[in-house]
N, C-alpha and C. Protein backbone atom coordinates (compact mmCIF):
# COMPACT_ATOMS: atom_id res chain seq x y z
N MET A 1 0.71 -1.11 -0.18
CA MET A 1 0.12 -0.09 -0.26
C MET A 1 0.52 1.10 -0.07
N PRO A 2 0.18 2.16 -0.87
CA PRO A 2 1.38 3.86 -0.77
C PRO A 2 1.19 4.08 0.02
N ILE A 3 1.94 5.11 0.92
CA ILE A 3 2.15 5.90 2.25
C ILE A 3 2.01 7.58 1.88
N ALA A 4 1.05 8.02 2.33
CA ALA A 4 0.76 9.57 2.29
C ALA A 4 0.67 10.04 3.62
N VAL A 5 1.79 11.42 3.70
CA VAL A 5 1.58 12.51 4.86
C VAL A 5 0.79 13.13 4.39
N ILE A 6 0.21 14.03 5.37
CA ILE A 6 -0.56 15.30 4.76
C ILE A 6 -0.43 16.24 6.02
N THR A 7 0.43 17.39 6.14
CA THR A 7 0.19 18.50 7.12
C THR A 7 -0.88 18.91 6.97
N GLY A 8 -1.33 19.52 8.04
CA GLY A 8 -2.42 20.20 8.12
C GLY A 8 -3.84 19.70 7.75
N ALA A 9 -3.82 18.25 8.37
CA ALA A 9 -4.80 17.46 7.96
C ALA A 9 -6.22 18.09 9.35
N GLU A 10 -5.81 18.36 9.91
CA GLU A 10 -7.10 18.18 10.69
C GLU A 10 -8.74 18.85 10.15
N ARG A 11 -8.20 19.68 9.42
CA ARG A 11 -9.41 20.15 9.22
C ARG A 11 -9.60 20.16 7.41
N GLY A 12 -10.84 20.88 6.91
CA GLY A 12 -10.70 21.82 5.53
C GLY A 12 -10.20 20.62 4.48
N LEU A 13 -9.33 21.10 3.72
CA LEU A 13 -8.70 20.53 2.40
C LEU A 13 -7.51 19.33 2.96
N GLY A 14 -6.97 19.27 4.00
CA GLY A 14 -5.85 18.41 4.37
C GLY A 14 -7.13 17.07 4.74
N LEU A 15 -8.02 17.39 5.78
CA LEU A 15 -9.07 16.37 6.57
C LEU A 15 -9.71 15.81 4.93
N GLU A 16 -9.86 16.24 3.98
CA GLU A 16 -11.16 15.79 2.73
C GLU A 16 -9.63 14.89 2.05
N THR A 17 -8.58 15.31 1.88
CA THR A 17 -7.80 14.73 0.93
C THR A 17 -7.33 13.62 1.75
N ALA A 18 -7.40 13.53 2.98
CA ALA A 18 -7.01 12.09 3.70
C ALA A 18 -8.30 11.41 3.26
N ARG A 19 -9.39 11.80 3.73
CA ARG A 19 -10.08 10.83 3.37
C ARG A 19 -10.09 10.47 1.78
N LEU A 20 -10.25 10.95 1.06
CA LEU A 20 -9.99 10.69 -0.49
C LEU A 20 -8.76 9.44 -0.59
N LEU A 21 -7.38 10.14 -0.09
CA LEU A 21 -6.56 8.98 -0.26
C LEU A 21 -7.00 7.42 0.28
N LEU A 22 -7.54 7.97 2.00
CA LEU A 22 -8.36 6.30 2.25
C LEU A 22 -8.83 5.61 1.80
N ASP A 23 -9.83 6.17 1.05
CA ASP A 23 -10.79 5.34 0.19
C ASP A 23 -10.08 4.72 -1.06
N ARG A 24 -9.31 5.77 -1.40
CA ARG A 24 -8.49 4.58 -2.39
C ARG A 24 -7.35 3.54 -2.18
N GLY A 25 -7.08 3.23 -0.52
CA GLY A 25 -5.99 2.20 -0.47
C GLY A 25 -5.14 2.95 0.25
N TYR A 26 -4.70 4.10 0.60
CA TYR A 26 -3.77 4.67 0.74
C TYR A 26 -3.30 4.32 2.51
N VAL A 27 -1.99 4.34 2.84
CA VAL A 27 -2.34 4.44 4.59
C VAL A 27 -1.91 6.12 4.38
N VAL A 28 -2.54 6.77 5.66
CA VAL A 28 -2.25 8.23 5.98
C VAL A 28 -1.85 8.85 7.16
N GLU A 29 -0.56 9.12 7.38
CA GLU A 29 -0.39 9.40 8.11
C GLU A 29 -0.78 11.08 8.59
N LEU A 30 -1.25 11.42 9.47
CA LEU A 30 -1.94 12.88 9.53
C LEU A 30 -0.91 13.99 10.16
N ALA A 31 -0.27 14.41 9.75
CA ALA A 31 1.05 15.50 10.36
C ALA A 31 0.08 16.80 10.68
N VAL A 32 0.02 16.20 12.29
CA VAL A 32 -0.50 17.72 12.76
C VAL A 32 -0.09 18.73 13.63
N HIS A 33 -0.66 19.83 13.88
CA HIS A 33 -0.01 21.07 14.62
C HIS A 33 -0.66 20.16 16.13
N ASP A 34 -1.75 20.09 16.46
CA ASP A 34 -2.18 20.00 17.56
C ASP A 34 -2.63 18.34 17.87
N HIS A 35 -1.24 17.62 18.40
CA HIS A 35 -1.91 16.30 18.00
C HIS A 35 -2.58 15.37 18.77
N ASP A 36 -3.46 15.92 19.94
CA ASP A 36 -4.44 15.55 20.66
C ASP A 36 -5.81 15.39 19.47
N GLU A 37 -6.04 16.75 19.15
CA GLU A 37 -7.06 17.24 17.87
C GLU A 37 -6.89 16.13 16.90
N GLY A 38 -5.48 15.68 15.91
CA GLY A 38 -5.56 14.82 15.01
C GLY A 38 -6.06 13.27 15.63
N ARG A 39 -5.50 12.87 16.81
CA ARG A 39 -5.47 11.49 16.80
C ARG A 39 -7.24 11.30 16.92
N ASN A 40 -7.99 12.23 17.65
CA ASN A 40 -9.27 12.23 18.34
C ASN A 40 -10.19 12.41 16.98
N MET A 41 -10.20 12.29 15.66
CA MET A 41 -10.93 13.34 14.66
C MET A 41 -11.68 11.74 14.41
N GLY A 42 -12.87 12.32 14.46
CA GLY A 42 -14.48 11.90 14.65
C GLY A 42 -14.41 11.09 12.83
N GLU A 43 -14.18 12.47 12.27
CA GLU A 43 -14.69 11.82 10.91
C GLU A 43 -13.43 10.81 9.93
N LEU A 44 -12.16 10.42 10.75
CA LEU A 44 -12.02 9.60 10.19
C LEU A 44 -11.86 8.43 10.68
N SER A 45 -12.70 8.04 11.94
CA SER A 45 -12.46 7.00 12.99
C SER A 45 -12.95 5.66 12.67
N ALA A 46 -13.67 5.71 11.43
CA ALA A 46 -14.00 4.47 10.67
C ALA A 46 -12.56 3.57 10.04
N TYR A 47 -11.64 4.98 9.58
CA TYR A 47 -10.43 4.32 8.67
C TYR A 47 -9.49 3.58 9.51
N GLU A 48 -8.82 2.26 9.37
CA GLU A 48 -7.63 1.83 10.33
C GLU A 48 -6.64 2.01 9.34
N ARG A 49 -6.44 2.39 8.46
CA ARG A 49 -5.04 2.92 7.68
C ARG A 49 -5.03 4.01 7.74
N LYS A 50 -4.81 4.56 9.34
CA LYS A 50 -3.92 5.87 9.61
C LYS A 50 -3.27 6.14 10.66
N GLY A 51 -2.77 7.24 10.80
CA GLY A 51 -1.83 7.26 12.21
C GLY A 51 -1.58 8.90 12.02
N CYS A 52 -1.28 9.47 13.16
CA CYS A 52 -1.01 10.85 13.34
C CYS A 52 0.08 10.97 14.20
N VAL A 53 1.02 12.21 13.47
CA VAL A 53 2.33 12.11 13.96
C VAL A 53 2.64 14.00 14.43
N PRO A 54 2.82 14.16 15.59
CA PRO A 54 2.68 16.00 15.66
C PRO A 54 3.88 16.71 15.05
N LEU A 55 3.51 17.76 14.30
CA LEU A 55 4.31 18.68 13.73
C LEU A 55 4.04 19.92 13.72
N ASP A 56 5.08 20.70 14.00
CA ASP A 56 4.88 22.35 14.50
C ASP A 56 5.90 22.58 13.54
N LEU A 57 5.40 23.12 12.16
CA LEU A 57 6.73 23.65 10.78
C LEU A 57 6.86 24.85 11.30
N THR A 58 7.01 25.56 12.62
CA THR A 58 7.92 26.52 12.87
C THR A 58 8.68 26.08 13.51
N ASP A 59 9.46 24.77 14.08
CA ASP A 59 10.23 24.16 15.14
C ASP A 59 11.26 23.30 14.56
N ASP A 60 12.33 23.60 13.59
CA ASP A 60 13.14 23.12 13.37
C ASP A 60 13.22 21.20 14.11
N ARG A 61 13.10 21.21 15.26
CA ARG A 61 13.00 19.77 16.21
C ARG A 61 12.15 19.27 15.72
N SER A 62 10.81 19.64 15.85
CA SER A 62 9.75 19.05 15.81
C SER A 62 9.57 18.41 14.04
N ILE A 63 10.11 18.99 13.26
CA ILE A 63 10.27 18.60 11.99
C ILE A 63 11.10 17.82 12.05
N ALA A 64 12.33 17.62 12.08
CA ALA A 64 13.01 16.24 12.36
C ALA A 64 12.61 15.32 13.33
N THR A 65 11.86 15.24 14.32
CA THR A 65 11.24 14.34 14.47
C THR A 65 10.19 13.62 14.01
N ALA A 66 9.46 14.33 13.46
CA ALA A 66 8.25 13.97 12.62
C ALA A 66 8.52 13.10 11.44
N PHE A 67 9.55 13.98 10.71
CA PHE A 67 10.48 13.03 10.03
C PHE A 67 11.31 11.90 10.04
N ALA A 68 11.92 11.43 11.29
CA ALA A 68 12.53 10.70 11.80
C ALA A 68 11.52 9.55 12.39
N ALA A 69 10.64 9.77 13.05
CA ALA A 69 9.21 8.81 13.40
C ALA A 69 8.79 8.32 12.00
N LEU A 70 8.88 8.83 11.24
CA LEU A 70 7.67 8.44 9.76
C LEU A 70 9.06 7.60 8.83
N GLY A 71 10.36 7.87 8.73
CA GLY A 71 11.00 7.01 8.48
C GLY A 71 11.39 5.96 8.99
N ALA A 72 11.34 5.67 10.43
CA ALA A 72 11.34 4.41 10.99
C ALA A 72 10.18 3.33 10.73
N ARG A 73 8.99 4.19 10.74
CA ARG A 73 7.51 3.67 11.06
C ARG A 73 7.83 2.67 9.57
N TYR A 74 7.90 3.60 8.55
CA TYR A 74 7.89 3.54 6.79
C TYR A 74 8.53 3.21 5.77
N GLY A 75 9.87 3.87 6.35
CA GLY A 75 11.04 3.46 5.34
C GLY A 75 10.88 4.65 4.41
N VAL A 76 10.11 4.28 3.22
CA VAL A 76 9.81 5.30 2.27
C VAL A 76 8.53 5.76 2.45
N LEU A 77 8.02 7.27 1.78
CA LEU A 77 7.52 7.74 1.94
C LEU A 77 6.69 7.84 0.15
N ASP A 78 5.57 7.59 -0.43
CA ASP A 78 5.25 7.94 -1.38
C ASP A 78 4.79 8.72 -2.06
N VAL A 79 3.89 9.75 -0.91
CA VAL A 79 3.31 11.05 -1.56
C VAL A 79 3.25 11.90 -0.02
N LEU A 80 3.77 12.74 -0.37
CA LEU A 80 3.76 14.57 0.86
C LEU A 80 2.86 15.65 0.68
N ILE A 81 1.95 15.29 0.94
CA ILE A 81 0.98 16.99 0.70
C ILE A 81 1.35 17.76 1.99
N ASN A 82 1.99 19.07 1.29
CA ASN A 82 2.14 20.07 2.46
C ASN A 82 1.12 21.03 2.46
N ASN A 83 0.11 21.05 3.19
CA ASN A 83 -0.77 21.58 3.42
C ASN A 83 -1.20 22.39 4.31
N ALA A 84 -0.22 22.55 5.46
CA ALA A 84 -0.26 23.40 6.58
C ALA A 84 -0.44 24.40 6.24
N GLY A 85 -1.03 25.35 6.76
CA GLY A 85 -1.42 26.75 6.53
C GLY A 85 -1.22 27.54 7.86
N VAL A 86 -1.17 28.68 7.59
CA VAL A 86 -0.96 30.31 8.85
C VAL A 86 -2.53 30.57 8.37
N THR A 87 -2.98 30.39 9.87
CA THR A 87 -4.12 31.05 9.97
C THR A 87 -4.07 32.41 10.69
N GLY A 88 -5.29 33.48 10.41
CA GLY A 88 -5.25 34.49 10.96
C GLY A 88 -5.41 35.51 10.47
N THR A 89 -5.45 37.02 11.15
CA THR A 89 -5.48 38.16 9.94
C THR A 89 -4.19 38.64 10.26
N GLY A 90 -3.90 39.67 9.21
CA GLY A 90 -3.04 40.62 8.87
C GLY A 90 -2.42 40.64 7.28
N SER A 91 -1.24 41.51 7.23
CA SER A 91 -0.80 41.07 6.51
C SER A 91 0.40 40.05 6.13
N ALA A 92 0.18 39.30 5.13
CA ALA A 92 0.99 37.98 4.82
C ALA A 92 2.77 38.69 4.82
N VAL A 93 2.88 40.01 4.24
CA VAL A 93 4.14 40.43 4.25
C VAL A 93 4.88 40.14 5.96
N GLU A 94 3.80 40.29 6.89
CA GLU A 94 4.21 40.59 8.31
C GLU A 94 4.79 39.11 8.99
N VAL A 95 4.36 38.07 8.07
CA VAL A 95 4.02 36.41 8.40
C VAL A 95 5.58 35.97 8.18
N THR A 96 6.29 35.78 9.75
CA THR A 96 7.82 34.91 8.94
C THR A 96 7.54 33.69 10.13
N ARG A 97 8.54 32.79 9.02
CA ARG A 97 8.72 31.12 9.72
C ARG A 97 8.91 31.68 11.42
N GLU A 98 9.25 32.46 12.16
CA GLU A 98 10.22 32.52 13.28
C GLU A 98 8.81 33.54 13.85
N ARG A 99 7.57 34.42 12.90
CA ARG A 99 6.36 34.91 13.68
C ARG A 99 5.09 34.64 13.24
N PRO A 100 4.72 33.42 13.01
CA PRO A 100 3.77 33.20 12.03
C PRO A 100 2.28 33.75 13.16
N SER A 101 1.71 33.96 12.63
CA SER A 101 0.15 34.86 12.86
C SER A 101 -0.43 33.40 13.00
N ARG A 102 -0.93 33.36 14.52
CA ARG A 102 -1.77 32.18 14.95
C ARG A 102 -2.98 32.69 15.40
């Protein structure tokens, strides 16, 4: 089975993409900022081929830890969908990796 990782999979496009890939036979890892929210997503409770890994894209250590765990678990990933986004208000010019708008 192909392995997919989706960042920002807690809601919206990420959640729907996870559902579509699960329906097509993928194993899907949800890379989410709020690990508790990701593990408890009722929308995907019927699917067995899913996992959840915490990932804060503003933290280099979190990124390294998440992908080390995924590498140890699966070896090679087939698909990475980088859907994580920054939410909030304000100018996009003012948003930096060090100071995201949350």
